[in-house]
Amino acid sequence: FIAAANPATMLALLDELETKEEQRANWFRMAQKLGEDLDTAERLIAELDQRLIEYAGIATREARRVAELEARKVNLSKLSVGEVMHMSGFSRDYAEGWCAGNDNAIHEIRTAGIKVKES
């Protein structure tokens, strides 16, 4: 070692040491940046988890509400032509048209999956 110790080899060793120290400093800065990025990502994940919990609660409430609405029955009067003529005071043609329209409405409402309670 002493025989190889001359100014040129010492300068080369110092250059190599400086390069290694710069590399170490760069790796350290990169590790710090990655740590900061990880902290930011973990905070974002925590926020998103909280929002997901809130949205799950909303979805559960809305699903319950949909089930309530689907369980309800719509009450539509099923009247005869004579009853419509008597109540409205209009002609038989009008009453027949009203009854046909009412029947069509009941059919379409049932087709949409809504329960109809006829009275």
PDB file of N, CA and C in Angstrom:
ATOM      1  N   PHE A   1       0.824  -1.184   0.000  1.00  0.00           N
ATOM      2  CA  PHE A   1       0.000   0.000   0.000  1.00  0.00           C
ATOM      3  C   PHE A   1       0.872   1.254   0.000  1.00  0.00           C
ATOM      4  N   ILE A   2       1.900   1.261   0.847  1.00  0.00           N
ATOM      5  CA  ILE A   2       2.760   2.439   0.946  1.00  0.00           C
ATOM      6  C   ILE A   2       3.508   2.660  -0.357  1.00  0.00           C
ATOM      7  N   ALA A   3       3.883   1.584  -1.024  1.00  0.00           N
ATOM      8  CA  ALA A   3       4.607   1.728  -2.292  1.00  0.00           C
ATOM      9  C   ALA A   3       3.717   2.353  -3.351  1.00  0.00           C
ATOM     10  N   ALA A   4       2.408   2.068  -3.294  1.00  0.00           N
ATOM     11  CA  ALA A   4       1.478   2.611  -4.282  1.00  0.00           C
ATOM     12  C   ALA A   4       1.006   4.002  -3.901  1.00  0.00           C
ATOM     13  N   ALA A   5       1.346   4.452  -2.720  1.00  0.00           N
ATOM     14  CA  ALA A   5       0.884   5.750  -2.247  1.00  0.00           C
ATOM     15  C   ALA A   5       1.741   6.844  -2.850  1.00  0.00           C
ATOM     16  N   ASN A   6       1.191   7.466  -3.841  1.00  0.00           N
ATOM     17  CA  ASN A   6       1.850   8.618  -4.440  1.00  0.00           C
ATOM     18  C   ASN A   6       0.769   9.658  -4.690  1.00  0.00           C
ATOM     19  N   PRO A   7       1.155  10.870  -5.051  1.00  0.00           N
ATOM     20  CA  PRO A   7       0.157  11.924  -5.219  1.00  0.00           C
ATOM     21  C   PRO A   7      -0.935  11.565  -6.230  1.00  0.00           C
ATOM     22  N   ALA A   8      -0.603  10.908  -7.305  1.00  0.00           N
ATOM     23  CA  ALA A   8      -1.601  10.579  -8.335  1.00  0.00           C
ATOM     24  C   ALA A   8      -2.630   9.588  -7.796  1.00  0.00           C
ATOM     25  N   THR A   9      -2.150   8.529  -7.104  1.00  0.00           N
ATOM     26  CA  THR A   9      -3.100   7.549  -6.565  1.00  0.00           C
ATOM     27  C   THR A   9      -3.925   8.150  -5.439  1.00  0.00           C
ATOM     28  N   MET A  10      -3.329   9.025  -4.651  1.00  0.00           N
ATOM     29  CA  MET A  10      -4.077   9.674  -3.576  1.00  0.00           C
ATOM     30  C   MET A  10      -5.177  10.561  -4.157  1.00  0.00           C
ATOM     31  N   LEU A  11      -4.848  11.306  -5.232  1.00  0.00           N
ATOM     32  CA  LEU A  11      -5.861  12.148  -5.873  1.00  0.00           C
ATOM     33  C   LEU A  11      -6.967  11.289  -6.482  1.00  0.00           C
ATOM     34  N   ALA A  12      -6.588  10.167  -7.089  1.00  0.00           N
ATOM     35  CA  ALA A  12      -7.585   9.263  -7.664  1.00  0.00           C
ATOM     36  C   ALA A  12      -8.488   8.704  -6.571  1.00  0.00           C
ATOM     37  N   LEU A  13      -7.889   8.324  -5.436  1.00  0.00           N
ATOM     38  CA  LEU A  13      -8.686   7.818  -4.323  1.00  0.00           C
ATOM     39  C   LEU A  13      -9.613   8.896  -3.768  1.00  0.00           C
ATOM     40  N   LEU A  14      -9.104  10.138  -3.683  1.00  0.00           N
ATOM     41  CA  LEU A  14      -9.954  11.239  -3.208  1.00  0.00           C
ATOM     42  C   LEU A  14     -11.111  11.498  -4.175  1.00  0.00           C
ATOM     43  N   ASP A  15     -10.812  11.459  -5.493  1.00  0.00           N
ATOM     44  CA  ASP A  15     -11.876  11.628  -6.492  1.00  0.00           C
ATOM     45  C   ASP A  15     -12.931  10.531  -6.347  1.00  0.00           C
ATOM     46  N   GLU A  16     -12.461   9.308  -6.173  1.00  0.00           N
ATOM     47  CA  GLU A  16     -13.383   8.183  -6.020  1.00  0.00           C
ATOM     48  C   GLU A  16     -14.216   8.336  -4.747  1.00  0.00           C
ATOM     49  N   LEU A  17     -13.578   8.799  -3.672  1.00  0.00           N
ATOM     50  CA  LEU A  17     -14.292   9.019  -2.414  1.00  0.00           C
ATOM     51  C   LEU A  17     -15.358  10.105  -2.582  1.00  0.00           C
ATOM     52  N   GLU A  18     -14.987  11.204  -3.261  1.00  0.00           N
ATOM     53  CA  GLU A  18     -15.952  12.284  -3.499  1.00  0.00           C
ATOM     54  C   GLU A  18     -17.127  11.786  -4.335  1.00  0.00           C
ATOM     55  N   THR A  19     -16.838  10.983  -5.362  1.00  0.00           N
ATOM     56  CA  THR A  19     -17.895  10.422  -6.212  1.00  0.00           C
ATOM     57  C   THR A  19     -18.832   9.552  -5.383  1.00  0.00           C
ATOM     58  N   LYS A  20     -18.265   8.710  -4.538  1.00  0.00           N
ATOM     59  CA  LYS A  20     -19.082   7.832  -3.688  1.00  0.00           C
ATOM     60  C   LYS A  20     -19.924   8.653  -2.709  1.00  0.00           C
ATOM     61  N   GLU A  21     -19.334   9.726  -2.154  1.00  0.00           N
ATOM     62  CA  GLU A  21     -20.092  10.566  -1.223  1.00  0.00           C
ATOM     63  C   GLU A  21     -21.234  11.284  -1.942  1.00  0.00           C
ATOM     64  N   GLU A  22     -20.987  11.733  -3.190  1.00  0.00           N
ATOM     65  CA  GLU A  22     -22.052  12.361  -3.978  1.00  0.00           C
ATOM     66  C   GLU A  22     -23.156  11.352  -4.275  1.00  0.00           C
ATOM     67  N   GLN A  23     -22.748  10.128  -4.642  1.00  0.00           N
ATOM     68  CA  GLN A  23     -23.740   9.085  -4.910  1.00  0.00           C
ATOM     69  C   GLN A  23     -24.560   8.782  -3.657  1.00  0.00           C
ATOM     70  N   ARG A  24     -23.873   8.695  -2.510  1.00  0.00           N
ATOM     71  CA  ARG A  24     -24.572   8.432  -1.257  1.00  0.00           C
ATOM     72  C   ARG A  24     -25.556   9.557  -0.953  1.00  0.00           C
ATOM     73  N   ALA A  25     -25.121  10.814  -1.159  1.00  0.00           N
ATOM     74  CA  ALA A  25     -25.999  11.961  -0.916  1.00  0.00           C
ATOM     75  C   ALA A  25     -27.197  11.921  -1.865  1.00  0.00           C
ATOM     76  N   ASN A  26     -26.946  11.567  -3.132  1.00  0.00           N
ATOM     77  CA  ASN A  26     -28.053  11.452  -4.097  1.00  0.00           C
ATOM     78  C   ASN A  26     -29.040  10.359  -3.682  1.00  0.00           C
ATOM     79  N   TRP A  27     -28.504   9.208  -3.268  1.00  0.00           N
ATOM     80  CA  TRP A  27     -29.370   8.113  -2.813  1.00  0.00           C
ATOM     81  C   TRP A  27     -30.171   8.540  -1.587  1.00  0.00           C
ATOM     82  N   PHE A  28     -29.531   9.288  -0.699  1.00  0.00           N
ATOM     83  CA  PHE A  28     -30.215   9.753   0.510  1.00  0.00           C
ATOM     84  C   PHE A  28     -31.358  10.704   0.144  1.00  0.00           C
ATOM     85  N   ARG A  29     -31.091  11.659  -0.772  1.00  0.00           N
ATOM     86  CA  ARG A  29     -32.130  12.597  -1.211  1.00  0.00           C
ATOM     87  C   ARG A  29     -33.274  11.845  -1.890  1.00  0.00           C
ATOM     88  N   MET A  30     -32.920  10.854  -2.709  1.00  0.00           N
ATOM     89  CA  MET A  30     -33.943  10.072  -3.393  1.00  0.00           C
ATOM     90  C   MET A  30     -34.791   9.299  -2.373  1.00  0.00           C
ATOM     91  N   ALA A  31     -34.138   8.738  -1.369  1.00  0.00           N
ATOM     92  CA  ALA A  31     -34.868   8.004  -0.329  1.00  0.00           C
ATOM     93  C   ALA A  31     -35.790   8.948   0.442  1.00  0.00           C
ATOM     94  N   GLN A  32     -35.306  10.164   0.735  1.00  0.00           N
ATOM     95  CA  GLN A  32     -36.145  11.143   1.427  1.00  0.00           C
ATOM     96  C   GLN A  32     -37.365  11.490   0.578  1.00  0.00           C
ATOM     97  N   LYS A  33     -37.139  11.742  -0.715  1.00  0.00           N
ATOM     98  CA  LYS A  33     -38.239  12.091  -1.619  1.00  0.00           C
ATOM     99  C   LYS A  33     -39.241  10.948  -1.700  1.00  0.00           C
ATOM    100  N   LEU A  34     -38.754   9.720  -1.816  1.00  0.00           N
ATOM    101  CA  LEU A  34     -39.655   8.572  -1.866  1.00  0.00           C
ATOM    102  C   LEU A  34     -40.439   8.434  -0.563  1.00  0.00           C
ATOM    103  N   GLY A  35     -39.785   8.718   0.559  1.00  0.00           N
ATOM    104  CA  GLY A  35     -40.480   8.686   1.854  1.00  0.00           C
ATOM    105  C   GLY A  35     -41.585   9.725   1.912  1.00  0.00           C
ATOM    106  N   GLU A  36     -41.296  10.932   1.405  1.00  0.00           N
ATOM    107  CA  GLU A  36     -42.314  11.982   1.366  1.00  0.00           C
ATOM    108  C   GLU A  36     -43.462  11.582   0.447  1.00  0.00           C
ATOM    109  N   ASP A  37     -43.118  11.013  -0.722  1.00  0.00           N
ATOM    110  CA  ASP A  37     -44.156  10.552  -1.649  1.00  0.00           C
ATOM    111  C   ASP A  37     -45.020   9.468  -1.008  1.00  0.00           C
ATOM    112  N   LEU A  38     -44.388   8.582  -0.271  1.00  0.00           N
ATOM    113  CA  LEU A  38     -45.123   7.519   0.413  1.00  0.00           C
ATOM    114  C   LEU A  38     -46.064   8.108   1.456  1.00  0.00           C
ATOM    115  N   ASP A  39     -45.584   9.082   2.226  1.00  0.00           N
ATOM    116  CA  ASP A  39     -46.439   9.728   3.227  1.00  0.00           C
ATOM    117  C   ASP A  39     -47.644  10.390   2.562  1.00  0.00           C
ATOM    118  N   THR A  40     -47.399  11.085   1.451  1.00  0.00           N
ATOM    119  CA  THR A  40     -48.484  11.739   0.721  1.00  0.00           C
ATOM    120  C   THR A  40     -49.485  10.706   0.220  1.00  0.00           C
ATOM    121  N   ALA A  41     -48.981   9.618  -0.350  1.00  0.00           N
ATOM    122  CA  ALA A  41     -49.863   8.563  -0.864  1.00  0.00           C
ATOM    123  C   ALA A  41     -50.676   7.933   0.263  1.00  0.00           C
ATOM    124  N   GLU A  42     -50.054   7.712   1.410  1.00  0.00           N
ATOM    125  CA  GLU A  42     -50.777   7.115   2.542  1.00  0.00           C
ATOM    126  C   GLU A  42     -51.869   8.047   3.052  1.00  0.00           C
ATOM    127  N   ARG A  43     -51.597   9.364   3.076  1.00  0.00           N
ATOM    128  CA  ARG A  43     -52.631  10.321   3.484  1.00  0.00           C
ATOM    129  C   ARG A  43     -53.791  10.305   2.492  1.00  0.00           C
ATOM    130  N   LEU A  44     -53.463  10.270   1.202  1.00  0.00           N
ATOM    131  CA  LEU A  44     -54.503  10.235   0.177  1.00  0.00           C
ATOM    132  C   LEU A  44     -55.329   8.958   0.288  1.00  0.00           C
ATOM    133  N   ILE A  45     -54.678   7.839   0.520  1.00  0.00           N
ATOM    134  CA  ILE A  45     -55.395   6.569   0.683  1.00  0.00           C
ATOM    135  C   ILE A  45     -56.340   6.652   1.877  1.00  0.00           C
ATOM    136  N   ALA A  46     -55.888   7.244   2.976  1.00  0.00           N
ATOM    137  CA  ALA A  46     -56.741   7.381   4.165  1.00  0.00           C
ATOM    138  C   ALA A  46     -57.960   8.250   3.850  1.00  0.00           C
ATOM    139  N   GLU A  47     -57.749   9.348   3.116  1.00  0.00           N
ATOM    140  CA  GLU A  47     -58.870  10.214   2.730  1.00  0.00           C
ATOM    141  C   GLU A  47     -59.841   9.464   1.834  1.00  0.00           C
ATOM    142  N   LEU A  48     -59.308   8.732   0.860  1.00  0.00           N
ATOM    143  CA  LEU A  48     -60.165   7.984  -0.057  1.00  0.00           C
ATOM    144  C   LEU A  48     -60.909   6.867   0.666  1.00  0.00           C
ATOM    145  N   ASP A  49     -60.258   6.230   1.624  1.00  0.00           N
ATOM    146  CA  ASP A  49     -60.939   5.207   2.427  1.00  0.00           C
ATOM    147  C   ASP A  49     -62.122   5.823   3.167  1.00  0.00           C
ATOM    148  N   GLN A  50     -61.918   7.008   3.727  1.00  0.00           N
ATOM    149  CA  GLN A  50     -62.997   7.681   4.452  1.00  0.00           C
ATOM    150  C   GLN A  50     -64.146   8.016   3.510  1.00  0.00           C
ATOM    151  N   ARG A  51     -63.820   8.523   2.325  1.00  0.00           N
ATOM    152  CA  ARG A  51     -64.864   8.842   1.349  1.00  0.00           C
ATOM    153  C   ARG A  51     -65.590   7.586   0.904  1.00  0.00           C
ATOM    154  N   LEU A  52     -64.856   6.495   0.751  1.00  0.00           N
ATOM    155  CA  LEU A  52     -65.473   5.229   0.359  1.00  0.00           C
ATOM    156  C   LEU A  52     -66.474   4.771   1.419  1.00  0.00           C
ATOM    157  N   ILE A  53     -66.110   4.927   2.683  1.00  0.00           N
ATOM    158  CA  ILE A  53     -67.021   4.564   3.771  1.00  0.00           C
ATOM    159  C   ILE A  53     -68.278   5.433   3.711  1.00  0.00           C
ATOM    160  N   GLU A  54     -68.095   6.732   3.470  1.00  0.00           N
ATOM    161  CA  GLU A  54     -69.245   7.635   3.359  1.00  0.00           C
ATOM    162  C   GLU A  54     -70.134   7.236   2.188  1.00  0.00           C
ATOM    163  N   TYR A  55     -69.522   6.968   1.025  1.00  0.00           N
ATOM    164  CA  TYR A  55     -70.299   6.587  -0.156  1.00  0.00           C
ATOM    165  C   TYR A  55     -71.004   5.253   0.042  1.00  0.00           C
ATOM    166  N   ALA A  56     -70.378   4.336   0.756  1.00  0.00           N
ATOM    167  CA  ALA A  56     -71.025   3.051   1.035  1.00  0.00           C
ATOM    168  C   ALA A  56     -72.267   3.272   1.896  1.00  0.00           C
ATOM    169  N   GLY A  57     -72.165   4.191   2.854  1.00  0.00           N
ATOM    170  CA  GLY A  57     -73.324   4.523   3.684  1.00  0.00           C
ATOM    171  C   GLY A  57     -74.445   5.131   2.858  1.00  0.00           C
ATOM    172  N   ILE A  58     -74.081   6.027   1.955  1.00  0.00           N
ATOM    173  CA  ILE A  58     -75.081   6.647   1.077  1.00  0.00           C
ATOM    174  C   ILE A  58     -75.728   5.582   0.201  1.00  0.00           C
ATOM    175  N   ALA A  59     -74.924   4.705  -0.379  1.00  0.00           N
ATOM    176  CA  ALA A  59     -75.453   3.651  -1.250  1.00  0.00           C
ATOM    177  C   ALA A  59     -76.391   2.732  -0.479  1.00  0.00           C
ATOM    178  N   THR A  60     -76.047   2.426   0.758  1.00  0.00           N
ATOM    179  CA  THR A  60     -76.904   1.564   1.581  1.00  0.00           C
ATOM    180  C   THR A  60     -78.237   2.242   1.859  1.00  0.00           C
ATOM    181  N   ARG A  61     -78.182   3.526   2.226  1.00  0.00           N
ATOM    182  CA  ARG A  61     -79.429   4.269   2.481  1.00  0.00           C
ATOM    183  C   ARG A  61     -80.288   4.338   1.224  1.00  0.00           C
ATOM    184  N   GLU A  62     -79.654   4.618   0.091  1.00  0.00           N
ATOM    185  CA  GLU A  62     -80.412   4.739  -1.154  1.00  0.00           C
ATOM    186  C   GLU A  62     -80.986   3.395  -1.588  1.00  0.00           C
ATOM    187  N   ALA A  63     -80.250   2.313  -1.372  1.00  0.00           N
ATOM    188  CA  ALA A  63     -80.767   0.979  -1.709  1.00  0.00           C
ATOM    189  C   ALA A  63     -81.990   0.670  -0.852  1.00  0.00           C
ATOM    190  N   ARG A  64     -81.941   1.059   0.425  1.00  0.00           N
ATOM    191  CA  ARG A  64     -83.093   0.868   1.306  1.00  0.00           C
ATOM    192  C   ARG A  64     -84.291   1.668   0.796  1.00  0.00           C
ATOM    193  N   ARG A  65     -84.020   2.897   0.368  1.00  0.00           N
ATOM    194  CA  ARG A  65     -85.098   3.755  -0.137  1.00  0.00           C
ATOM    195  C   ARG A  65     -85.698   3.171  -1.408  1.00  0.00           C
ATOM    196  N   VAL A  66     -84.869   2.670  -2.302  1.00  0.00           N
ATOM    197  CA  VAL A  66     -85.365   2.036  -3.529  1.00  0.00           C
ATOM    198  C   VAL A  66     -86.237   0.835  -3.176  1.00  0.00           C
ATOM    199  N   ALA A  67     -85.788   0.033  -2.217  1.00  0.00           N
ATOM    200  CA  ALA A  67     -86.570  -1.135  -1.801  1.00  0.00           C
ATOM    201  C   ALA A  67     -87.924  -0.704  -1.237  1.00  0.00           C
ATOM    202  N   GLU A  68     -87.930   0.383  -0.458  1.00  0.00           N
ATOM    203  CA  GLU A  68     -89.197   0.893   0.073  1.00  0.00           C
ATOM    204  C   GLU A  68     -90.123   1.320  -1.056  1.00  0.00           C
ATOM    205  N   LEU A  69     -89.568   2.041  -2.025  1.00  0.00           N
ATOM    206  CA  LEU A  69     -90.390   2.508  -3.141  1.00  0.00           C
ATOM    207  C   LEU A  69     -90.897   1.344  -3.983  1.00  0.00           C
ATOM    208  N   GLU A  70     -90.039   0.351  -4.186  1.00  0.00           N
ATOM    209  CA  GLU A  70     -90.458  -0.806  -4.975  1.00  0.00           C
ATOM    210  C   GLU A  70     -91.531  -1.616  -4.255  1.00  0.00           C
ATOM    211  N   ALA A  71     -91.533  -1.595  -2.938  1.00  0.00           N
ATOM    212  CA  ALA A  71     -92.515  -2.363  -2.173  1.00  0.00           C
ATOM    213  C   ALA A  71     -93.881  -1.669  -2.141  1.00  0.00           C
ATOM    214  N   ARG A  72     -93.908  -0.378  -2.391  1.00  0.00           N
ATOM    215  CA  ARG A  72     -95.170   0.364  -2.371  1.00  0.00           C
ATOM    216  C   ARG A  72     -96.042  -0.017  -3.547  1.00  0.00           C
ATOM    217  N   LYS A  73     -97.324   0.215  -3.373  1.00  0.00           N
ATOM    218  CA  LYS A  73     -98.268   0.005  -4.466  1.00  0.00           C
ATOM    219  C   LYS A  73     -98.891   1.343  -4.825  1.00  0.00           C
ATOM    220  N   VAL A  74     -99.085   1.541  -6.119  1.00  0.00           N
ATOM    221  CA  VAL A  74     -99.756   2.733  -6.617  1.00  0.00           C
ATOM    222  C   VAL A  74    -101.254   2.437  -6.607  1.00  0.00           C
ATOM    223  N   ASN A  75    -102.039   3.362  -6.135  1.00  0.00           N
ATOM    224  CA  ASN A  75    -103.485   3.169  -6.065  1.00  0.00           C
ATOM    225  C   ASN A  75    -104.140   3.887  -7.239  1.00  0.00           C
ATOM    226  N   LEU A  76    -104.680   3.123  -8.181  1.00  0.00           N
ATOM    227  CA  LEU A  76    -105.384   3.701  -9.326  1.00  0.00           C
ATOM    228  C   LEU A  76    -106.825   3.207  -9.321  1.00  0.00           C
ATOM    229  N   SER A  77    -107.717   4.125  -9.531  1.00  0.00           N
ATOM    230  CA  SER A  77    -109.134   3.752  -9.575  1.00  0.00           C
ATOM    231  C   SER A  77    -109.436   3.042 -10.881  1.00  0.00           C
ATOM    232  N   LYS A  78    -110.148   1.947 -10.776  1.00  0.00           N
ATOM    233  CA  LYS A  78    -110.599   1.200 -11.960  1.00  0.00           C
ATOM    234  C   LYS A  78    -112.102   1.441 -12.042  1.00  0.00           C
ATOM    235  N   LEU A  79    -112.479   2.379 -12.886  1.00  0.00           N
ATOM    236  CA  LEU A  79    -113.884   2.759 -12.991  1.00  0.00           C
ATOM    237  C   LEU A  79    -114.493   2.203 -14.271  1.00  0.00           C
ATOM    238  N   SER A  80    -115.788   2.024 -14.217  1.00  0.00           N
ATOM    239  CA  SER A  80    -116.507   1.575 -15.420  1.00  0.00           C
ATOM    240  C   SER A  80    -116.836   2.790 -16.277  1.00  0.00           C
ATOM    241  N   VAL A  81    -117.214   2.520 -17.513  1.00  0.00           N
ATOM    242  CA  VAL A  81    -117.594   3.598 -18.431  1.00  0.00           C
ATOM    243  C   VAL A  81    -118.757   4.384 -17.839  1.00  0.00           C
ATOM    244  N   GLY A  82    -119.727   3.677 -17.265  1.00  0.00           N
ATOM    245  CA  GLY A  82    -120.891   4.344 -16.671  1.00  0.00           C
ATOM    246  C   GLY A  82    -120.492   5.255 -15.523  1.00  0.00           C
ATOM    247  N   GLU A  83    -119.575   4.806 -14.685  1.00  0.00           N
ATOM    248  CA  GLU A  83    -119.132   5.631 -13.553  1.00  0.00           C
ATOM    249  C   GLU A  83    -118.428   6.895 -14.043  1.00  0.00           C
ATOM    250  N   VAL A  84    -117.589   6.751 -15.073  1.00  0.00           N
ATOM    251  CA  VAL A  84    -116.884   7.921 -15.609  1.00  0.00           C
ATOM    252  C   VAL A  84    -117.881   8.893 -16.225  1.00  0.00           C
ATOM    253  N   MET A  85    -118.875   8.375 -16.960  1.00  0.00           N
ATOM    254  CA  MET A  85    -119.892   9.246 -17.564  1.00  0.00           C
ATOM    255  C   MET A  85    -120.653  10.000 -16.470  1.00  0.00           C
ATOM    256  N   HIS A  86    -120.999   9.298 -15.415  1.00  0.00           N
ATOM    257  CA  HIS A  86    -121.768   9.914 -14.328  1.00  0.00           C
ATOM    258  C   HIS A  86    -120.936  10.983 -13.612  1.00  0.00           C
ATOM    259  N   MET A  87    -119.665  10.650 -13.305  1.00  0.00           N
ATOM    260  CA  MET A  87    -118.820  11.596 -12.557  1.00  0.00           C
ATOM    261  C   MET A  87    -118.430  12.806 -13.399  1.00  0.00           C
ATOM    262  N   SER A  88    -118.166  12.592 -14.694  1.00  0.00           N
ATOM    263  CA  SER A  88    -117.662  13.688 -15.524  1.00  0.00           C
ATOM    264  C   SER A  88    -118.775  14.468 -16.204  1.00  0.00           C
ATOM    265  N   GLY A  89    -119.877  13.789 -16.436  1.00  0.00           N
ATOM    266  CA  GLY A  89    -120.953  14.445 -17.168  1.00  0.00           C
ATOM    267  C   GLY A  89    -120.674  14.525 -18.658  1.00  0.00           C
ATOM    268  N   PHE A  90    -119.661  13.804 -19.120  1.00  0.00           N
ATOM    269  CA  PHE A  90    -119.323  13.822 -20.540  1.00  0.00           C
ATOM    270  C   PHE A  90    -119.937  12.633 -21.256  1.00  0.00           C
ATOM    271  N   SER A  91    -119.635  12.541 -22.535  1.00  0.00           N
ATOM    272  CA  SER A  91    -120.233  11.513 -23.397  1.00  0.00           C
ATOM    273  C   SER A  91    -119.641  10.132 -23.148  1.00  0.00           C
ATOM    274  N   ARG A  92    -120.313   9.144 -23.738  1.00  0.00           N
ATOM    275  CA  ARG A  92    -119.848   7.758 -23.652  1.00  0.00           C
ATOM    276  C   ARG A  92    -118.474   7.630 -24.311  1.00  0.00           C
ATOM    277  N   ASP A  93    -118.263   8.293 -25.462  1.00  0.00           N
ATOM    278  CA  ASP A  93    -116.961   8.219 -26.146  1.00  0.00           C
ATOM    279  C   ASP A  93    -115.840   8.725 -25.235  1.00  0.00           C
ATOM    280  N   TYR A  94    -116.112   9.839 -24.545  1.00  0.00           N
ATOM    281  CA  TYR A  94    -115.115  10.371 -23.615  1.00  0.00           C
ATOM    282  C   TYR A  94    -114.824   9.350 -22.519  1.00  0.00           C
ATOM    283  N   ALA A  95    -115.859   8.784 -21.929  1.00  0.00           N
ATOM    284  CA  ALA A  95    -115.704   7.833 -20.829  1.00  0.00           C
ATOM    285  C   ALA A  95    -114.952   6.589 -21.288  1.00  0.00           C
ATOM    286  N   GLU A  96    -115.263   6.108 -22.495  1.00  0.00           N
ATOM    287  CA  GLU A  96    -114.556   4.927 -23.019  1.00  0.00           C
ATOM    288  C   GLU A  96    -113.076   5.247 -23.242  1.00  0.00           C
ATOM    289  N   GLY A  97    -112.797   6.433 -23.745  1.00  0.00           N
ATOM    290  CA  GLY A  97    -111.403   6.857 -23.945  1.00  0.00           C
ATOM    291  C   GLY A  97    -110.661   6.971 -22.626  1.00  0.00           C
ATOM    292  N   TRP A  98    -111.349   7.531 -21.621  1.00  0.00           N
ATOM    293  CA  TRP A  98    -110.729   7.659 -20.299  1.00  0.00           C
ATOM    294  C   TRP A  98    -110.418   6.287 -19.724  1.00  0.00           C
ATOM    295  N   CYS A  99    -111.363   5.369 -19.812  1.00  0.00           N
ATOM    296  CA  CYS A  99    -111.158   4.016 -19.273  1.00  0.00           C
ATOM    297  C   CYS A  99    -110.039   3.296 -20.021  1.00  0.00           C
ATOM    298  N   ALA A 100    -109.987   3.452 -21.346  1.00  0.00           N
ATOM    299  CA  ALA A 100    -108.915   2.816 -22.130  1.00  0.00           C
ATOM    300  C   ALA A 100    -107.559   3.404 -21.732  1.00  0.00           C
ATOM    301  N   GLY A 101    -107.511   4.726 -21.560  1.00  0.00           N
ATOM    302  CA  GLY A 101    -106.263   5.363 -21.136  1.00  0.00           C
ATOM    303  C   GLY A 101    -105.839   4.903 -19.754  1.00  0.00           C
ATOM    304  N   ASN A 102    -106.804   4.759 -18.861  1.00  0.00           N
ATOM    305  CA  ASN A 102    -106.522   4.279 -17.509  1.00  0.00           C
ATOM    306  C   ASN A 102    -105.993   2.845 -17.558  1.00  0.00           C
ATOM    307  N   ASP A 103    -106.617   2.001 -18.379  1.00  0.00           N
ATOM    308  CA  ASP A 103    -106.149   0.614 -18.527  1.00  0.00           C
ATOM    309  C   ASP A 103    -104.725   0.581 -19.081  1.00  0.00           C
ATOM    310  N   ASN A 104    -104.458   1.432 -20.066  1.00  0.00           N
ATOM    311  CA  ASN A 104    -103.100   1.500 -20.634  1.00  0.00           C
ATOM    312  C   ASN A 104    -102.092   1.961 -19.582  1.00  0.00           C
ATOM    313  N   ALA A 105    -102.486   2.940 -18.777  1.00  0.00           N
ATOM    314  CA  ALA A 105    -101.587   3.433 -17.727  1.00  0.00           C
ATOM    315  C   ALA A 105    -101.278   2.327 -16.730  1.00  0.00           C
ATOM    316  N   ILE A 106    -102.302   1.589 -16.323  1.00  0.00           N
ATOM    317  CA  ILE A 106    -102.091   0.475 -15.388  1.00  0.00           C
ATOM    318  C   ILE A 106    -101.148  -0.550 -15.998  1.00  0.00           C
ATOM    319  N   HIS A 107    -101.367  -0.870 -17.263  1.00  0.00           N
ATOM    320  CA  HIS A 107    -100.503  -1.847 -17.944  1.00  0.00           C
ATOM    321  C   HIS A 107     -99.047  -1.360 -17.988  1.00  0.00           C
ATOM    322  N   GLU A 108     -98.831  -0.107 -18.371  1.00  0.00           N
ATOM    323  CA  GLU A 108     -97.472   0.430 -18.486  1.00  0.00           C
ATOM    324  C   GLU A 108     -96.789   0.522 -17.120  1.00  0.00           C
ATOM    325  N   ILE A 109     -97.549   0.894 -16.112  1.00  0.00           N
ATOM    326  CA  ILE A 109     -96.980   0.984 -14.763  1.00  0.00           C
ATOM    327  C   ILE A 109     -96.543  -0.393 -14.289  1.00  0.00           C
ATOM    328  N   ARG A 110     -97.381  -1.401 -14.537  1.00  0.00           N
ATOM    329  CA  ARG A 110     -97.008  -2.776 -14.156  1.00  0.00           C
ATOM    330  C   ARG A 110     -95.799  -3.248 -14.963  1.00  0.00           C
ATOM    331  N   THR A 111     -95.766  -2.903 -16.243  1.00  0.00           N
ATOM    332  CA  THR A 111     -94.633  -3.286 -17.093  1.00  0.00           C
ATOM    333  C   THR A 111     -93.336  -2.694 -16.548  1.00  0.00           C
ATOM    334  N   ALA A 112     -93.417  -1.515 -15.967  1.00  0.00           N
ATOM    335  CA  ALA A 112     -92.235  -0.868 -15.380  1.00  0.00           C
ATOM    336  C   ALA A 112     -91.847  -1.503 -14.051  1.00  0.00           C
ATOM    337  N   GLY A 113     -92.636  -2.464 -13.574  1.00  0.00           N
ATOM    338  CA  GLY A 113     -92.295  -3.157 -12.336  1.00  0.00           C
ATOM    339  C   GLY A 113     -92.898  -2.540 -11.092  1.00  0.00           C
ATOM    340  N   ILE A 114     -93.825  -1.618 -11.284  1.00  0.00           N
ATOM    341  CA  ILE A 114     -94.475  -0.973 -10.144  1.00  0.00           C
ATOM    342  C   ILE A 114     -95.767  -1.720  -9.842  1.00  0.00           C
ATOM    343  N   LYS A 115     -95.979  -1.995  -8.570  1.00  0.00           N
ATOM    344  CA  LYS A 115     -97.194  -2.704  -8.161  1.00  0.00           C
ATOM    345  C   LYS A 115     -98.377  -1.743  -8.202  1.00  0.00           C
ATOM    346  N   VAL A 116     -99.512  -2.243  -8.678  1.00  0.00           N
ATOM    347  CA  VAL A 116    -100.715  -1.422  -8.783  1.00  0.00           C
ATOM    348  C   VAL A 116    -101.807  -2.049  -7.926  1.00  0.00           C
ATOM    349  N   LYS A 117    -102.367  -1.222  -7.050  1.00  0.00           N
ATOM    350  CA  LYS A 117    -103.504  -1.664  -6.236  1.00  0.00           C
ATOM    351  C   LYS A 117    -104.736  -1.018  -6.847  1.00  0.00           C
ATOM    352  N   GLU A 118    -105.584  -1.829  -7.436  1.00  0.00           N
ATOM    353  CA  GLU A 118    -106.788  -1.298  -8.075  1.00  0.00           C
ATOM    354  C   GLU A 118    -107.907  -1.209  -7.055  1.00  0.00           C
ATOM    355  N   SER A 119    -108.680  -0.134  -7.165  1.00  0.00           N
ATOM    356  CA  SER A 119    -109.813   0.009  -6.242  1.00  0.00           C
ATOM    357  C   SER A 119    -111.095   0.162  -7.014  1.00  0.00           C
TER     358      SER A 119
END
